[in-house]
Amino acid sequence: MTFSPPKKASKVQTGQRHGKWLFEKCRKVKNSVVLQYDEAGNATGLAHFASPVTGMYRGRQVYKINGSKKNKVTTVRA
């Protein structure tokens, strides 16, 4: 008694199965990335993160970016 399929799967069937898996995987990856947009319609960063340009998140100021030094962040709210 062997554990094998009753008939051999053709190359076309195998290719369709692998192609469908690749298509679904790409679709999931594409839909998992959600971007955050500004008023002009430009993507500014990932959604559910504070904007790196303005420091705003969901309409409120989360942190303030100091203009004198780059990458220096002052926390407004915790």
PDB file of N, CA and C in Angstrom:
ATOM      1  N   MET A   1       0.842  -1.161   0.000  1.00  0.00           N
ATOM      2  CA  MET A   1       0.000   0.000   0.000  1.00  0.00           C
ATOM      3  C   MET A   1       0.899   1.240   0.000  1.00  0.00           C
ATOM      4  N   THR A   2       0.730   2.065  -1.010  1.00  0.00           N
ATOM      5  CA  THR A   2       1.547   3.258  -1.120  1.00  0.00           C
ATOM      6  C   THR A   2       0.683   4.511  -0.976  1.00  0.00           C
ATOM      7  N   PHE A   3       1.314   5.551  -0.530  1.00  0.00           N
ATOM      8  CA  PHE A   3       0.623   6.816  -0.383  1.00  0.00           C
ATOM      9  C   PHE A   3       1.049   7.717  -1.528  1.00  0.00           C
ATOM     10  N   SER A   4       0.362   7.611  -2.626  1.00  0.00           N
ATOM     11  CA  SER A   4       0.677   8.416  -3.794  1.00  0.00           C
ATOM     12  C   SER A   4      -0.630   8.836  -4.453  1.00  0.00           C
ATOM     13  N   PRO A   5      -0.591   9.890  -5.233  1.00  0.00           N
ATOM     14  CA  PRO A   5      -1.813  10.315  -5.918  1.00  0.00           C
ATOM     15  C   PRO A   5      -2.249   9.275  -6.947  1.00  0.00           C
ATOM     16  N   PRO A   6      -3.556   9.166  -7.189  1.00  0.00           N
ATOM     17  CA  PRO A   6      -4.046   8.165  -8.134  1.00  0.00           C
ATOM     18  C   PRO A   6      -3.585   8.403  -9.572  1.00  0.00           C
ATOM     19  N   LYS A   7      -3.392   9.672  -9.941  1.00  0.00           N
ATOM     20  CA  LYS A   7      -2.914   9.993 -11.285  1.00  0.00           C
ATOM     21  C   LYS A   7      -1.842  11.061 -11.191  1.00  0.00           C
ATOM     22  N   LYS A   8      -0.959  11.067 -12.177  1.00  0.00           N
ATOM     23  CA  LYS A   8       0.114  12.051 -12.198  1.00  0.00           C
ATOM     24  C   LYS A   8      -0.456  13.430 -12.555  1.00  0.00           C
ATOM     25  N   ALA A   9      -0.045  14.451 -11.834  1.00  0.00           N
ATOM     26  CA  ALA A   9      -0.448  15.815 -12.148  1.00  0.00           C
ATOM     27  C   ALA A   9       0.401  16.328 -13.307  1.00  0.00           C
ATOM     28  N   SER A  10      -0.263  16.969 -14.259  1.00  0.00           N
ATOM     29  CA  SER A  10       0.463  17.452 -15.429  1.00  0.00           C
ATOM     30  C   SER A  10       1.299  18.683 -15.065  1.00  0.00           C
ATOM     31  N   LYS A  11       2.194  19.039 -15.974  1.00  0.00           N
ATOM     32  CA  LYS A  11       3.047  20.204 -15.777  1.00  0.00           C
ATOM     33  C   LYS A  11       2.214  21.488 -15.761  1.00  0.00           C
ATOM     34  N   VAL A  12       1.152  21.517 -16.545  1.00  0.00           N
ATOM     35  CA  VAL A  12       0.288  22.689 -16.594  1.00  0.00           C
ATOM     36  C   VAL A  12      -0.414  22.878 -15.256  1.00  0.00           C
ATOM     37  N   GLN A  13      -0.932  21.796 -14.689  1.00  0.00           N
ATOM     38  CA  GLN A  13      -1.598  21.885 -13.389  1.00  0.00           C
ATOM     39  C   GLN A  13      -0.632  22.366 -12.307  1.00  0.00           C
ATOM     40  N   THR A  14       0.560  21.833 -12.324  1.00  0.00           N
ATOM     41  CA  THR A  14       1.561  22.233 -11.344  1.00  0.00           C
ATOM     42  C   THR A  14       1.922  23.693 -11.507  1.00  0.00           C
ATOM     43  N   GLY A  15       2.111  24.138 -12.755  1.00  0.00           N
ATOM     44  CA  GLY A  15       2.448  25.537 -13.015  1.00  0.00           C
ATOM     45  C   GLY A  15       1.335  26.481 -12.588  1.00  0.00           C
ATOM     46  N   GLN A  16       0.073  26.081 -12.836  1.00  0.00           N
ATOM     47  CA  GLN A  16      -1.051  26.916 -12.437  1.00  0.00           C
ATOM     48  C   GLN A  16      -1.130  27.034 -10.914  1.00  0.00           C
ATOM     49  N   ARG A  17      -0.865  25.948 -10.227  1.00  0.00           N
ATOM     50  CA  ARG A  17      -0.910  25.972  -8.769  1.00  0.00           C
ATOM     51  C   ARG A  17       0.176  26.895  -8.209  1.00  0.00           C
ATOM     52  N   HIS A  18       1.383  26.778  -8.739  1.00  0.00           N
ATOM     53  CA  HIS A  18       2.478  27.615  -8.271  1.00  0.00           C
ATOM     54  C   HIS A  18       2.263  29.079  -8.669  1.00  0.00           C
ATOM     55  N   GLY A  19       1.733  29.299  -9.852  1.00  0.00           N
ATOM     56  CA  GLY A  19       1.468  30.665 -10.301  1.00  0.00           C
ATOM     57  C   GLY A  19       0.399  31.335  -9.465  1.00  0.00           C
ATOM     58  N   LYS A  20      -0.641  30.593  -9.112  1.00  0.00           N
ATOM     59  CA  LYS A  20      -1.718  31.137  -8.276  1.00  0.00           C
ATOM     60  C   LYS A  20      -1.190  31.487  -6.892  1.00  0.00           C
ATOM     61  N   TRP A  21      -0.325  30.638  -6.339  1.00  0.00           N
ATOM     62  CA  TRP A  21       0.257  30.909  -5.020  1.00  0.00           C
ATOM     63  C   TRP A  21       1.084  32.196  -5.071  1.00  0.00           C
ATOM     64  N   LEU A  22       1.884  32.361  -6.115  1.00  0.00           N
ATOM     65  CA  LEU A  22       2.711  33.554  -6.259  1.00  0.00           C
ATOM     66  C   LEU A  22       1.858  34.802  -6.416  1.00  0.00           C
ATOM     67  N   PHE A  23       0.787  34.698  -7.191  1.00  0.00           N
ATOM     68  CA  PHE A  23      -0.125  35.822  -7.392  1.00  0.00           C
ATOM     69  C   PHE A  23      -0.765  36.238  -6.074  1.00  0.00           C
ATOM     70  N   GLU A  24      -1.255  35.278  -5.300  1.00  0.00           N
ATOM     71  CA  GLU A  24      -1.897  35.576  -4.018  1.00  0.00           C
ATOM     72  C   GLU A  24      -0.906  36.169  -3.026  1.00  0.00           C
ATOM     73  N   LYS A  25       0.309  35.638  -3.006  1.00  0.00           N
ATOM     74  CA  LYS A  25       1.326  36.151  -2.089  1.00  0.00           C
ATOM     75  C   LYS A  25       1.667  37.602  -2.423  1.00  0.00           C
ATOM     76  N   CYS A  26       1.821  37.919  -3.697  1.00  0.00           N
ATOM     77  CA  CYS A  26       2.117  39.283  -4.113  1.00  0.00           C
ATOM     78  C   CYS A  26       0.966  40.222  -3.767  1.00  0.00           C
ATOM     79  N   ARG A  27      -0.264  39.747  -3.930  1.00  0.00           N
ATOM     80  CA  ARG A  27      -1.432  40.562  -3.612  1.00  0.00           C
ATOM     81  C   ARG A  27      -1.488  40.865  -2.118  1.00  0.00           C
ATOM     82  N   LYS A  28      -1.184  39.884  -1.291  1.00  0.00           N
ATOM     83  CA  LYS A  28      -1.202  40.097   0.154  1.00  0.00           C
ATOM     84  C   LYS A  28      -0.129  41.086   0.581  1.00  0.00           C
ATOM     85  N   VAL A  29       1.055  40.970   0.006  1.00  0.00           N
ATOM     86  CA  VAL A  29       2.138  41.895   0.353  1.00  0.00           C
ATOM     87  C   VAL A  29       1.793  43.309  -0.095  1.00  0.00           C
ATOM     88  N   LYS A  30       1.222  43.425  -1.279  1.00  0.00           N
ATOM     89  CA  LYS A  30       0.858  44.739  -1.806  1.00  0.00           C
ATOM     90  C   LYS A  30      -0.214  45.395  -0.944  1.00  0.00           C
ATOM     91  N   ASN A  31      -1.203  44.630  -0.489  1.00  0.00           N
ATOM     92  CA  ASN A  31      -2.295  45.184   0.299  1.00  0.00           C
ATOM     93  C   ASN A  31      -1.921  45.397   1.761  1.00  0.00           C
ATOM     94  N   SER A  32      -0.831  44.797   2.227  1.00  0.00           N
ATOM     95  CA  SER A  32      -0.461  44.950   3.625  1.00  0.00           C
ATOM     96  C   SER A  32       0.235  46.273   3.894  1.00  0.00           C
ATOM     97  N   VAL A  33       0.758  46.909   2.868  1.00  0.00           N
ATOM     98  CA  VAL A  33       1.441  48.185   3.041  1.00  0.00           C
ATOM     99  C   VAL A  33       0.428  49.301   2.797  1.00  0.00           C
ATOM    100  N   VAL A  34       0.140  50.081   3.850  1.00  0.00           N
ATOM    101  CA  VAL A  34      -0.800  51.186   3.753  1.00  0.00           C
ATOM    102  C   VAL A  34      -0.022  52.470   3.977  1.00  0.00           C
ATOM    103  N   LEU A  35      -0.143  53.385   3.044  1.00  0.00           N
ATOM    104  CA  LEU A  35       0.622  54.629   3.113  1.00  0.00           C
ATOM    105  C   LEU A  35      -0.212  55.765   3.674  1.00  0.00           C
ATOM    106  N   GLN A  36       0.471  56.767   4.171  1.00  0.00           N
ATOM    107  CA  GLN A  36      -0.136  57.969   4.710  1.00  0.00           C
ATOM    108  C   GLN A  36       0.100  59.084   3.708  1.00  0.00           C
ATOM    109  N   TYR A  37      -0.944  59.870   3.388  1.00  0.00           N
ATOM    110  CA  TYR A  37      -0.858  60.904   2.364  1.00  0.00           C
ATOM    111  C   TYR A  37      -1.079  62.281   2.973  1.00  0.00           C
ATOM    112  N   ASP A  38      -0.442  63.297   2.376  1.00  0.00           N
ATOM    113  CA  ASP A  38      -0.668  64.671   2.807  1.00  0.00           C
ATOM    114  C   ASP A  38      -1.783  65.293   1.966  1.00  0.00           C
ATOM    115  N   GLU A  39      -2.028  66.594   2.142  1.00  0.00           N
ATOM    116  CA  GLU A  39      -3.125  67.271   1.444  1.00  0.00           C
ATOM    117  C   GLU A  39      -2.925  67.290  -0.064  1.00  0.00           C
ATOM    118  N   ALA A  40      -1.667  67.312  -0.516  1.00  0.00           N
ATOM    119  CA  ALA A  40      -1.378  67.359  -1.952  1.00  0.00           C
ATOM    120  C   ALA A  40      -1.483  65.990  -2.613  1.00  0.00           C
ATOM    121  N   GLY A  41      -1.661  64.942  -1.810  1.00  0.00           N
ATOM    122  CA  GLY A  41      -1.775  63.596  -2.362  1.00  0.00           C
ATOM    123  C   GLY A  41      -0.465  62.857  -2.453  1.00  0.00           C
ATOM    124  N   ASN A  42       0.576  63.379  -1.845  1.00  0.00           N
ATOM    125  CA  ASN A  42       1.878  62.718  -1.863  1.00  0.00           C
ATOM    126  C   ASN A  42       2.005  61.783  -0.667  1.00  0.00           C
ATOM    127  N   ALA A  43       2.602  60.616  -0.875  1.00  0.00           N
ATOM    128  CA  ALA A  43       2.811  59.671   0.213  1.00  0.00           C
ATOM    129  C   ALA A  43       3.935  60.184   1.110  1.00  0.00           C
ATOM    130  N   THR A  44       3.642  60.289   2.412  1.00  0.00           N
ATOM    131  CA  THR A  44       4.630  60.824   3.340  1.00  0.00           C
ATOM    132  C   THR A  44       5.217  59.757   4.250  1.00  0.00           C
ATOM    133  N   GLY A  45       4.565  58.617   4.392  1.00  0.00           N
ATOM    134  CA  GLY A  45       5.081  57.559   5.264  1.00  0.00           C
ATOM    135  C   GLY A  45       4.071  56.457   5.429  1.00  0.00           C
ATOM    136  N   LEU A  46       4.344  55.549   6.333  1.00  0.00           N
ATOM    137  CA  LEU A  46       3.442  54.445   6.598  1.00  0.00           C
ATOM    138  C   LEU A  46       2.282  54.902   7.474  1.00  0.00           C
ATOM    139  N   ALA A  47       1.100  54.338   7.237  1.00  0.00           N
ATOM    140  CA  ALA A  47      -0.049  54.645   8.066  1.00  0.00           C
ATOM    141  C   ALA A  47       0.166  54.070   9.455  1.00  0.00           C
ATOM    142  N   HIS A  48      -0.536  54.619  10.417  1.00  0.00           N
ATOM    143  CA  HIS A  48      -0.447  54.223  11.831  1.00  0.00           C
ATOM    144  C   HIS A  48       0.911  54.563  12.415  1.00  0.00           C
ATOM    145  N   PHE A  49       1.621  55.492  11.782  1.00  0.00           N
ATOM    146  CA  PHE A  49       2.865  56.035  12.311  1.00  0.00           C
ATOM    147  C   PHE A  49       2.754  57.554  12.214  1.00  0.00           C
ATOM    148  N   ALA A  50       3.427  58.247  13.077  1.00  0.00           N
ATOM    149  CA  ALA A  50       3.426  59.709  13.004  1.00  0.00           C
ATOM    150  C   ALA A  50       4.151  60.147  11.738  1.00  0.00           C
ATOM    151  N   SER A  51       3.686  61.244  11.158  1.00  0.00           N
ATOM    152  CA  SER A  51       4.299  61.759   9.939  1.00  0.00           C
ATOM    153  C   SER A  51       5.708  62.257  10.238  1.00  0.00           C
ATOM    154  N   PRO A  52       6.693  61.803   9.471  1.00  0.00           N
ATOM    155  CA  PRO A  52       8.055  62.262   9.726  1.00  0.00           C
ATOM    156  C   PRO A  52       8.278  63.724   9.343  1.00  0.00           C
ATOM    157  N   VAL A  53       7.401  64.283   8.517  1.00  0.00           N
ATOM    158  CA  VAL A  53       7.562  65.660   8.051  1.00  0.00           C
ATOM    159  C   VAL A  53       6.969  66.649   9.053  1.00  0.00           C
ATOM    160  N   THR A  54       5.743  66.374   9.517  1.00  0.00           N
ATOM    161  CA  THR A  54       5.043  67.329  10.382  1.00  0.00           C
ATOM    162  C   THR A  54       5.013  66.920  11.843  1.00  0.00           C
ATOM    163  N   GLY A  55       5.151  65.627  12.148  1.00  0.00           N
ATOM    164  CA  GLY A  55       5.061  65.163  13.522  1.00  0.00           C
ATOM    165  C   GLY A  55       3.629  64.979  13.989  1.00  0.00           C
ATOM    166  N   MET A  56       2.670  64.951  13.055  1.00  0.00           N
ATOM    167  CA  MET A  56       1.255  64.813  13.394  1.00  0.00           C
ATOM    168  C   MET A  56       0.836  63.355  13.286  1.00  0.00           C
ATOM    169  N   TYR A  57      -0.118  62.953  14.140  1.00  0.00           N
ATOM    170  CA  TYR A  57      -0.722  61.631  14.049  1.00  0.00           C
ATOM    171  C   TYR A  57      -2.185  61.769  14.412  1.00  0.00           C
ATOM    172  N   ARG A  58      -3.052  61.408  13.488  1.00  0.00           N
ATOM    173  CA  ARG A  58      -4.500  61.462  13.659  1.00  0.00           C
ATOM    174  C   ARG A  58      -4.979  62.847  14.091  1.00  0.00           C
ATOM    175  N   GLY A  59      -4.402  63.873  13.479  1.00  0.00           N
ATOM    176  CA  GLY A  59      -4.857  65.228  13.706  1.00  0.00           C
ATOM    177  C   GLY A  59      -4.283  65.915  14.923  1.00  0.00           C
ATOM    178  N   ARG A  60      -3.380  65.287  15.641  1.00  0.00           N
ATOM    179  CA  ARG A  60      -2.786  65.956  16.802  1.00  0.00           C
ATOM    180  C   ARG A  60      -1.266  65.913  16.704  1.00  0.00           C
ATOM    181  N   GLN A  61      -0.640  66.898  17.306  1.00  0.00           N
ATOM    182  CA  GLN A  61       0.818  67.009  17.284  1.00  0.00           C
ATOM    183  C   GLN A  61       1.401  66.020  18.288  1.00  0.00           C
ATOM    184  N   VAL A  62       2.160  65.036  17.797  1.00  0.00           N
ATOM    185  CA  VAL A  62       2.731  64.017  18.665  1.00  0.00           C
ATOM    186  C   VAL A  62       4.146  64.400  19.070  1.00  0.00           C
ATOM    187  N   TYR A  63       4.918  64.896  18.133  1.00  0.00           N
ATOM    188  CA  TYR A  63       6.259  65.363  18.460  1.00  0.00           C
ATOM    189  C   TYR A  63       6.617  66.542  17.569  1.00  0.00           C
ATOM    190  N   LYS A  64       7.598  67.300  18.020  1.00  0.00           N
ATOM    191  CA  LYS A  64       8.018  68.491  17.306  1.00  0.00           C
ATOM    192  C   LYS A  64       9.439  68.274  16.800  1.00  0.00           C
ATOM    193  N   ILE A  65       9.675  68.632  15.539  1.00  0.00           N
ATOM    194  CA  ILE A  65      10.997  68.482  14.941  1.00  0.00           C
ATOM    195  C   ILE A  65      11.720  69.813  15.052  1.00  0.00           C
ATOM    196  N   ASN A  66      12.887  69.809  15.678  1.00  0.00           N
ATOM    197  CA  ASN A  66      13.685  71.022  15.799  1.00  0.00           C
ATOM    198  C   ASN A  66      14.339  71.328  14.468  1.00  0.00           C
ATOM    199  N   GLY A  67      14.251  72.587  14.041  1.00  0.00           N
ATOM    200  CA  GLY A  67      14.801  72.981  12.751  1.00  0.00           C
ATOM    201  C   GLY A  67      16.311  73.139  12.755  1.00  0.00           C
ATOM    202  N   SER A  68      16.913  73.383  13.928  1.00  0.00           N
ATOM    203  CA  SER A  68      18.346  73.649  13.973  1.00  0.00           C
ATOM    204  C   SER A  68      19.179  72.390  13.760  1.00  0.00           C
ATOM    205  N   LYS A  69      18.750  71.277  14.327  1.00  0.00           N
ATOM    206  CA  LYS A  69      19.524  70.038  14.219  1.00  0.00           C
ATOM    207  C   LYS A  69      18.664  68.962  13.562  1.00  0.00           C
ATOM    208  N   LYS A  70      19.228  68.286  12.601  1.00  0.00           N
ATOM    209  CA  LYS A  70      18.518  67.198  11.950  1.00  0.00           C
ATOM    210  C   LYS A  70      18.435  66.010  12.896  1.00  0.00           C
ATOM    211  N   ASN A  71      17.355  65.242  12.787  1.00  0.00           N
ATOM    212  CA  ASN A  71      17.104  64.022  13.561  1.00  0.00           C
ATOM    213  C   ASN A  71      16.989  64.281  15.062  1.00  0.00           C
ATOM    214  N   LYS A  72      16.809  65.530  15.469  1.00  0.00           N
ATOM    215  CA  LYS A  72      16.600  65.841  16.881  1.00  0.00           C
ATOM    216  C   LYS A  72      15.101  65.976  17.100  1.00  0.00           C
ATOM    217  N   VAL A  73      14.533  65.162  17.991  1.00  0.00           N
ATOM    218  CA  VAL A  73      13.097  65.128  18.209  1.00  0.00           C
ATOM    219  C   VAL A  73      12.810  65.504  19.657  1.00  0.00           C
ATOM    220  N   THR A  74      11.866  66.412  19.840  1.00  0.00           N
ATOM    221  CA  THR A  74      11.408  66.776  21.169  1.00  0.00           C
ATOM    222  C   THR A  74      10.015  66.190  21.365  1.00  0.00           C
ATOM    223  N   THR A  75       9.822  65.403  22.411  1.00  0.00           N
ATOM    224  CA  THR A  75       8.539  64.754  22.652  1.00  0.00           C
ATOM    225  C   THR A  75       7.553  65.760  23.225  1.00  0.00           C
ATOM    226  N   VAL A  76       6.352  65.787  22.649  1.00  0.00           N
ATOM    227  CA  VAL A  76       5.304  66.650  23.146  1.00  0.00           C
ATOM    228  C   VAL A  76       4.377  65.860  24.045  1.00  0.00           C
ATOM    229  N   ARG A  77       3.921  64.685  23.569  1.00  0.00           N
ATOM    230  CA  ARG A  77       3.069  63.795  24.349  1.00  0.00           C
ATOM    231  C   ARG A  77       3.633  62.411  24.351  1.00  0.00           C
ATOM    232  N   ALA A  78       3.414  61.704  25.434  1.00  0.00           N
ATOM    233  CA  ALA A  78       3.874  60.329  25.512  1.00  0.00           C
ATOM    234  C   ALA A  78       2.778  59.364  25.168  1.00  0.00           C
TER     235      ALA A  78
END
